[in-house]
Each structure stands twice: as structure tokens, then as C-alpha cells.
Amino acid sequence: MAMQPAAASHFAPLLRLLETANSNASAAIKVTSADPFSYEYPLLVRNSAATKATVGLMLKGTVIDNIMIGGPGMNCRKLAIGDEILKVDGIVADVDNVVDLLVGTDVPDSPVNLLIRKKNGTLEDISIIRMATSRIADRRQMFEYFTHIKDIAVKVSDTRTAELVDATVDLWSKMLLAQEDYNSTVVTNVRQMQLNIEMLLKELVAALEDLFAKARDEKEYFYREETDFYQMISELKQRIIVVEAERDEAIYKHKPCELNIQTLQRRVQALEEQLDKVVFEMSSWSVGVMIDSEGNQRSSALR
């Protein structure tokens, strides 16, 4: 039965595992790069604003009378009640055009540049980003409630209630700013974590691809080695079969010769025995010439 190379079957599970790991890592990169903060902002009240975007400022003429909690004006942290708007995007502002200038293109996330005169008389260029009015509809409604309560308290000379409303609005503003800071930090940390994970996953994918290529090369190398090895074994087996056949044929052909050789060996052995016997007899038949101490000949010749 022919032997089959085992490299393919041994490496197949490893290659499948590497392919799966590579695929999962690539999918993880896509998941990690997705924006976890893309969601529809939940609203509890209907947005009744006439515009799509807002800067969150309430004005008396061109002077800031109040700042919407959580709006762009508050989030920039550079505007204060009593600041006067002199220019909007380079255009001189007055009572008649300031609102239209602030609305501008009425596009959320669009920038608006303000030239502000602070209460101390200094001038500042401040840039803020318009926000979708739908995002702060709830806060706007809450702010209007507080403003209404304060107006009622002022009308009835309820100073304590008016002060409590101001304190509540101030605390709420600080809480929202603190929450914005926290949210911003969370967003920054999550974005950085995403970048780090994405970088590590890309390195992992590259390593898996390299490992997959090396494993595939190793499989091909061992497959060739096994194929050559099994080919060598097959050739040796065939050679053994041929040699054994030649041996059997030689034995069959030369069997009579083997019998003749054995006969000859027996005849040679018999002749050697006869030769030894003759030599022994010859030594007993011969008589050497004996010379006595006086030098006289005593006997001679062979019989």
C-alpha cells in the first residue's frame, strides 16, 4: 500500500486556525473603528424653535442678557451676561440685524465669529459653533420654566424665590459644564483607546499574515520532503524486488554447478588424502646415505 505525505493533513488545521484568527482580527478592526457616540439625541419635548441651529444667546439689543444652559454660548466658556456683540462674521451688528447675523446660514455645526466688548471694556474675538436646536430643546424648555418662575417671583416681590431660581440655574449650569468636561474626557479616552486597539489589531493581522505565509511555506517544504522520501522508499522496494528475483534466478541456474563443485571438493579431498599417504610411504621407503665417524660408506641406494 502506497504511503501518502502527511504534511498536508498536519498543516491544514493550523492554516485554517490562522485564517480564522486573521478574519476575526480584521473584523475587530472594523468594529473598533466604528463611532460609539453616533446616536440620536433623545428629546422629551417637541422642538418648537423657528431655526435649525442656535448659538444659545438671549439678547437685549446687542447685549447678552442670558446664556442658554448647555448651548454653544455657554460651552465656549468665554461669553458672559453683559457682554456686547459688536460684529458677527465681520459685519457690524445692531439691534435690527444681530439676530439674523447670529442665525446666519442656519446650519448646525457651522462656525460663527464674534467681536465682543466685555463689561470691562476690552475687546475679544470669540468663535463658537452653532448647535442644532433639537439637541437643546429639553434644556431650552427647562430654562424657560425657570425664567417664567423667576418673572412671577419678581412681579410679586418674592425675592427669596427669585434668588433660589438664580441659584438653581447657576448650579445647573455648573453641573452641565462639569458633565460636558466629563463627557469630553470620556470621548477623548475612548477615541484614544480605539486608536490603540486598532493599531494593535493591525499589528496582529500583519503578524498572522506573516505566520500564515510561513506555515504555508513550511507545509510545502515538508510536503516536498515527504514526497521525495516516499519516492525513495518506493524505488528501494522495487530495487529489492528486482535483486531478490535476480538472486532466485541465479540460484536456480547455478544449482547443478553447486553439486559439481561439491563433488569436485570431495574428489580433491580424497586426492589430498592419497597424496599425504604417498608422501608418508615415500618417506618410509627411502634410505639416506649414512656416514660413520671414520668417513666410511656403510650403505647406499634405494631399493
Protein backbone atom coordinates (compact mmCIF):
# COMPACT_ATOMS: atom_id res chain seq x y z
CA MET A 1 0.00 0.00 0.00
CA ALA A 2 1.47 3.36 -1.04
CA MET A 3 2.36 5.82 1.71
CA GLN A 4 0.80 9.27 1.45
CA PRO A 5 2.55 12.51 2.58
CA ALA A 6 1.22 13.70 5.96
CA ALA A 7 2.29 17.37 5.73
CA ALA A 8 -0.95 18.48 4.07
CA SER A 9 -3.19 16.88 6.71
CA HIS A 10 -0.98 18.03 9.60
CA PHE A 11 -0.76 21.68 8.44
CA ALA A 12 -4.38 22.03 7.30
CA PRO A 13 -5.86 22.62 10.81
CA LEU A 14 -3.14 25.16 11.62
CA LEU A 15 -3.73 27.07 8.38
CA ARG A 16 -7.49 27.08 8.98
CA LEU A 17 -6.92 28.38 12.51
CA LEU A 18 -4.67 31.17 11.24
CA GLU A 19 -7.20 32.11 8.56
CA THR A 20 -9.97 32.28 11.19
CA ALA A 21 -7.84 34.36 13.56
CA ASN A 22 -6.91 36.72 10.73
CA SER A 23 -10.53 37.09 9.67
CA ASN A 24 -11.66 37.77 13.26
CA ALA A 25 -8.91 40.34 13.81
CA SER A 26 -9.84 42.12 10.57
CA ALA A 27 -13.49 42.16 11.63
CA ALA A 28 -12.46 43.50 15.05
CA ILE A 29 -10.67 46.40 13.34
CA LYS A 30 -13.91 47.38 11.60
CA VAL A 31 -15.88 47.12 14.84
CA THR A 32 -13.28 49.11 16.77
CA SER A 33 -13.15 51.89 14.18
CA ALA A 34 -16.92 52.43 14.39
CA ASP A 35 -18.12 55.57 16.17
CA PRO A 36 -19.60 54.54 19.56
CA PHE A 37 -21.03 58.03 20.08
CA SER A 38 -23.13 58.21 16.93
CA TYR A 39 -26.69 58.12 18.19
CA GLU A 40 -29.84 60.15 18.06
CA TYR A 41 -30.07 62.53 20.98
CA PRO A 42 -33.25 61.68 22.95
CA LEU A 43 -35.75 64.52 23.24
CA LEU A 44 -38.58 64.77 25.76
CA VAL A 45 -40.27 67.84 24.30
CA ARG A 46 -41.04 68.89 20.75
CA ASN A 47 -38.61 71.34 19.22
CA SER A 48 -40.66 74.50 18.66
CA ALA A 49 -37.76 76.69 17.58
CA ALA A 50 -38.11 78.53 14.29
CA THR A 51 -34.50 77.81 13.31
CA LYS A 52 -32.47 74.64 12.84
CA ALA A 53 -29.37 76.00 14.57
CA THR A 54 -28.74 78.20 17.58
CA VAL A 55 -25.91 79.87 19.46
CA GLY A 56 -27.87 79.78 22.72
CA LEU A 57 -27.78 83.52 23.49
CA MET A 58 -30.62 85.75 24.72
CA LEU A 59 -30.18 89.42 23.87
CA LYS A 60 -31.36 92.83 24.86
CA GLY A 61 -30.44 94.78 21.80
CA THR A 62 -26.86 93.68 21.13
CA VAL A 63 -26.07 92.92 24.78
CA ILE A 64 -26.15 89.34 26.10
CA ASP A 65 -29.00 89.16 28.63
CA ASN A 66 -28.81 85.44 29.32
CA ILE A 67 -26.97 82.35 28.12
CA MET A 68 -28.73 79.08 27.33
CA ILE A 69 -27.62 76.29 29.63
CA GLY A 70 -25.76 73.67 27.58
CA GLY A 71 -25.78 75.83 24.45
CA PRO A 72 -22.79 76.91 22.34
CA GLY A 73 -22.51 80.27 24.11
CA MET A 74 -22.09 78.57 27.47
CA ASN A 75 -19.93 75.72 26.19
CA CYS A 76 -17.33 78.10 24.76
CA ARG A 77 -16.83 79.48 28.31
CA LYS A 78 -15.75 82.87 27.00
CA LEU A 79 -19.07 84.73 26.98
CA ALA A 80 -20.81 86.30 29.96
CA ILE A 81 -24.02 88.16 30.67
CA GLY A 82 -23.49 91.85 29.91
CA ASP A 83 -21.06 91.28 27.02
CA GLU A 84 -21.88 93.37 23.94
CA ILE A 85 -21.78 91.93 20.41
CA LEU A 86 -20.08 94.41 18.07
CA LYS A 87 -19.60 92.28 14.94
CA VAL A 88 -20.78 88.89 13.64
CA ASP A 89 -18.55 87.29 11.00
CA GLY A 90 -17.01 90.70 10.32
CA ILE A 91 -20.34 92.52 9.88
CA VAL A 92 -21.20 95.33 12.29
CA ALA A 93 -24.12 94.26 14.50
CA ASP A 94 -27.03 96.43 15.60
CA VAL A 95 -30.46 95.95 17.13
CA ASP A 96 -32.06 95.25 13.75
CA ASN A 97 -29.65 92.69 12.28
CA VAL A 98 -27.92 90.97 15.20
CA VAL A 99 -30.40 88.07 15.44
CA ASP A 100 -30.29 87.39 11.69
CA LEU A 101 -26.49 87.54 11.74
CA LEU A 102 -26.34 85.00 14.57
CA VAL A 103 -28.72 82.66 12.73
CA GLY A 104 -26.55 83.05 9.62
CA THR A 105 -26.75 80.03 7.33
CA ASP A 106 -28.81 78.23 9.98
CA VAL A 107 -26.66 75.13 9.63
CA PRO A 108 -25.81 73.09 12.75
CA ASP A 109 -22.08 72.68 13.45
CA SER A 110 -21.23 75.77 11.38
CA PRO A 111 -18.84 78.34 12.93
CA VAL A 112 -19.71 81.93 13.81
CA ASN A 113 -17.10 84.56 14.76
CA LEU A 114 -18.00 87.30 17.22
CA LEU A 115 -16.27 90.55 18.15
CA ILE A 116 -17.22 91.11 21.80
CA ARG A 117 -16.82 94.11 24.09
CA LYS A 118 -16.50 92.76 27.64
CA LYS A 119 -18.04 94.59 30.57
CA ASN A 120 -14.58 95.91 31.46
CA GLY A 121 -14.28 97.45 28.00
CA THR A 122 -11.78 95.01 26.47
CA LEU A 123 -12.41 93.60 23.01
CA GLU A 124 -12.22 89.87 22.23
CA ASP A 125 -12.63 87.76 19.11
CA ILE A 126 -14.60 84.65 20.06
CA SER A 127 -15.55 81.77 17.79
CA ILE A 128 -18.43 79.44 18.63
CA ILE A 129 -20.09 76.54 16.80
CA ARG A 130 -23.81 76.62 16.08
CA MET A 131 -25.74 73.72 17.61
CA ALA A 132 -28.87 72.00 16.33
CA THR A 133 -31.83 73.47 18.20
CA SER A 134 -33.27 69.96 18.52
CA ARG A 135 -30.33 68.94 20.70
CA ILE A 136 -31.10 71.51 23.39
CA ALA A 137 -34.89 71.62 23.09
CA ASP A 138 -35.28 69.99 26.52
CA ARG A 139 -32.82 72.37 28.16
CA ARG A 140 -34.42 75.33 26.45
CA GLN A 141 -37.81 74.31 27.82
CA MET A 142 -36.36 73.90 31.33
CA PHE A 143 -34.68 77.27 31.06
CA GLU A 144 -37.97 78.88 30.02
CA TYR A 145 -39.69 77.28 33.02
CA PHE A 146 -37.11 78.72 35.41
CA THR A 147 -37.29 82.11 33.71
CA HIS A 148 -41.08 82.11 34.00
CA ILE A 149 -40.92 81.22 37.70
CA LYS A 150 -38.41 83.99 38.30
CA ASP A 151 -40.56 86.52 36.42
CA ILE A 152 -43.55 85.63 38.59
CA ALA A 153 -41.46 85.90 41.75
CA VAL A 154 -40.18 89.32 40.71
CA LYS A 155 -43.71 90.55 39.97
CA VAL A 156 -44.91 89.59 43.45
CA SER A 157 -41.69 90.84 45.04
CA ASP A 158 -40.75 87.32 46.17
CA THR A 159 -37.03 87.98 46.40
CA ARG A 160 -36.24 84.66 48.06
CA THR A 161 -37.83 82.63 45.26
CA ALA A 162 -36.06 84.70 42.62
CA GLU A 163 -32.74 84.11 44.38
CA LEU A 164 -33.42 80.37 44.60
CA VAL A 165 -34.20 80.26 40.89
CA ASP A 166 -30.94 82.07 40.10
CA ALA A 167 -29.01 79.72 42.40
CA THR A 168 -30.69 76.70 40.80
CA VAL A 169 -29.90 77.88 37.29
CA ASP A 170 -26.32 78.66 38.30
CA LEU A 171 -25.84 75.22 39.87
CA TRP A 172 -27.47 73.55 36.89
CA SER A 173 -25.14 75.43 34.58
CA LYS A 174 -22.09 74.32 36.55
CA MET A 175 -23.35 70.73 36.62
CA LEU A 176 -23.84 70.73 32.86
CA LEU A 177 -20.38 72.21 32.29
CA ALA A 178 -18.87 69.57 34.56
CA GLN A 179 -20.81 66.89 32.68
CA GLU A 180 -19.58 68.30 29.37
CA ASP A 181 -15.99 68.14 30.67
CA TYR A 182 -16.53 64.56 31.80
CA ASN A 183 -18.16 63.56 28.51
CA SER A 184 -15.38 65.22 26.55
CA THR A 185 -12.76 63.35 28.59
CA VAL A 186 -14.61 60.07 28.10
CA VAL A 187 -14.85 60.68 24.36
CA THR A 188 -11.13 61.52 24.17
CA ASN A 189 -10.18 58.43 26.17
CA VAL A 190 -12.44 56.16 24.13
CA ARG A 191 -11.11 57.57 20.86
CA GLN A 192 -7.54 57.03 22.03
CA MET A 193 -8.38 53.52 23.20
CA GLN A 194 -9.92 52.82 19.80
CA LEU A 195 -6.79 54.05 18.05
CA ASN A 196 -4.55 51.94 20.31
CA ILE A 197 -6.67 48.83 19.87
CA GLU A 198 -6.90 49.38 16.12
CA MET A 199 -3.12 49.75 15.92
CA LEU A 200 -2.59 46.56 17.95
CA LEU A 201 -5.13 44.68 15.84
CA LYS A 202 -3.41 45.80 12.64
CA GLU A 203 -0.09 44.58 14.05
CA LEU A 204 -1.80 41.31 14.98
CA VAL A 205 -3.23 40.95 11.48
CA ALA A 206 0.19 41.60 9.96
CA ALA A 207 1.76 39.02 12.30
CA LEU A 208 -0.95 36.47 11.47
CA GLU A 209 -0.50 37.04 7.75
CA ASP A 210 3.26 36.57 8.14
CA LEU A 211 2.74 33.44 10.25
CA PHE A 212 0.24 32.10 7.72
CA ALA A 213 2.70 32.63 4.87
CA LYS A 214 5.49 30.91 6.82
CA ALA A 215 3.24 28.00 7.78
CA ARG A 216 2.19 27.60 4.15
CA ASP A 217 5.84 27.62 3.04
CA GLU A 218 6.70 25.08 5.76
CA LYS A 219 3.84 22.86 4.59
CA GLU A 220 5.05 22.98 1.01
CA TYR A 221 8.64 22.28 2.11
CA PHE A 222 7.70 19.26 4.24
CA TYR A 223 5.33 18.06 1.53
CA ARG A 224 8.18 18.04 -0.97
CA GLU A 225 10.50 16.34 1.54
CA GLU A 226 7.91 13.68 2.33
CA THR A 227 7.18 13.14 -1.36
CA ASP A 228 10.88 12.68 -2.12
CA PHE A 229 11.28 10.38 0.89
CA TYR A 230 8.35 8.18 -0.08
CA GLN A 231 9.58 8.11 -3.67
CA MET A 232 12.98 6.92 -2.43
CA ILE A 233 11.33 4.20 -0.34
CA SER A 234 9.26 3.10 -3.32
CA GLU A 235 12.34 2.93 -5.55
CA LEU A 236 14.25 0.93 -2.91
CA LYS A 237 11.38 -1.51 -2.58
CA GLN A 238 11.31 -2.01 -6.35
CA ARG A 239 15.07 -2.48 -6.36
CA ILE A 240 14.82 -5.08 -3.61
CA ILE A 241 12.19 -6.96 -5.59
CA VAL A 242 14.42 -6.95 -8.69
CA VAL A 243 17.51 -8.06 -6.73
CA GLU A 244 15.59 -10.84 -5.00
CA ALA A 245 14.33 -12.05 -8.37
CA GLU A 246 17.85 -11.99 -9.80
CA ARG A 247 19.11 -13.88 -6.77
CA ASP A 248 16.44 -16.54 -7.08
CA GLU A 249 17.14 -16.89 -10.79
CA ALA A 250 20.89 -17.21 -10.18
CA ILE A 251 20.34 -19.82 -7.52
CA TYR A 252 18.09 -21.79 -9.84
CA LYS A 253 20.52 -21.58 -12.77
CA HIS A 254 23.64 -22.45 -10.80
CA LYS A 255 22.27 -25.26 -8.65
CA PRO A 256 23.82 -28.05 -10.86
CA CYS A 257 27.18 -26.29 -10.71
CA GLU A 258 26.91 -26.26 -6.96
CA LEU A 259 26.51 -30.06 -6.99
CA ASN A 260 29.51 -30.47 -9.32
CA ILE A 261 31.57 -28.21 -7.07
CA GLN A 262 30.67 -30.27 -4.06
CA THR A 263 31.69 -33.49 -5.99
CA LEU A 264 34.96 -31.94 -7.05
CA GLN A 265 35.61 -30.79 -3.49
CA ARG A 266 35.14 -34.35 -2.29
CA ARG A 267 37.48 -35.70 -5.02
CA VAL A 268 40.08 -33.07 -4.17
CA GLN A 269 39.84 -34.02 -0.54
CA ALA A 270 40.31 -37.72 -1.46
CA LEU A 271 43.29 -36.89 -3.66
CA GLU A 272 44.83 -34.83 -0.87
CA GLU A 273 44.43 -37.76 1.46
CA GLN A 274 46.08 -40.06 -1.12
CA LEU A 275 48.87 -37.57 -1.59
CA ASP A 276 49.54 -37.46 2.12
CA LYS A 277 49.64 -41.23 2.17
CA VAL A 278 52.07 -41.40 -0.73
CA VAL A 279 54.33 -38.83 0.86
CA PHE A 280 54.31 -40.82 4.06
CA GLU A 281 55.12 -44.06 2.22
CA MET A 282 57.87 -42.42 0.22
CA SER A 283 59.49 -41.21 3.40
CA SER A 284 59.50 -44.75 4.76
CA TRP A 285 60.86 -46.29 1.53
CA SER A 286 63.86 -44.06 1.14
CA VAL A 287 67.10 -44.75 2.97
CA GLY A 288 69.53 -41.98 3.37
CA VAL A 289 73.23 -42.39 2.95
CA MET A 290 74.76 -43.00 6.39
CA ILE A 291 78.41 -41.93 7.04
CA ASP A 292 80.21 -43.21 10.10
CA SER A 293 82.62 -41.26 12.24
CA GLU A 294 85.65 -42.51 10.20
CA GLY A 295 84.08 -41.33 6.97
CA ASN A 296 83.47 -44.86 5.54
CA GLN A 297 80.35 -45.63 3.49
CA ARG A 298 78.06 -48.09 5.29
CA SER A 299 75.01 -48.44 2.97
CA SER A 300 73.58 -46.74 -0.11
CA ALA A 301 70.91 -46.52 -2.78
CA LEU A 302 67.19 -47.04 -2.89
CA ARG A 303 65.67 -50.45 -3.33
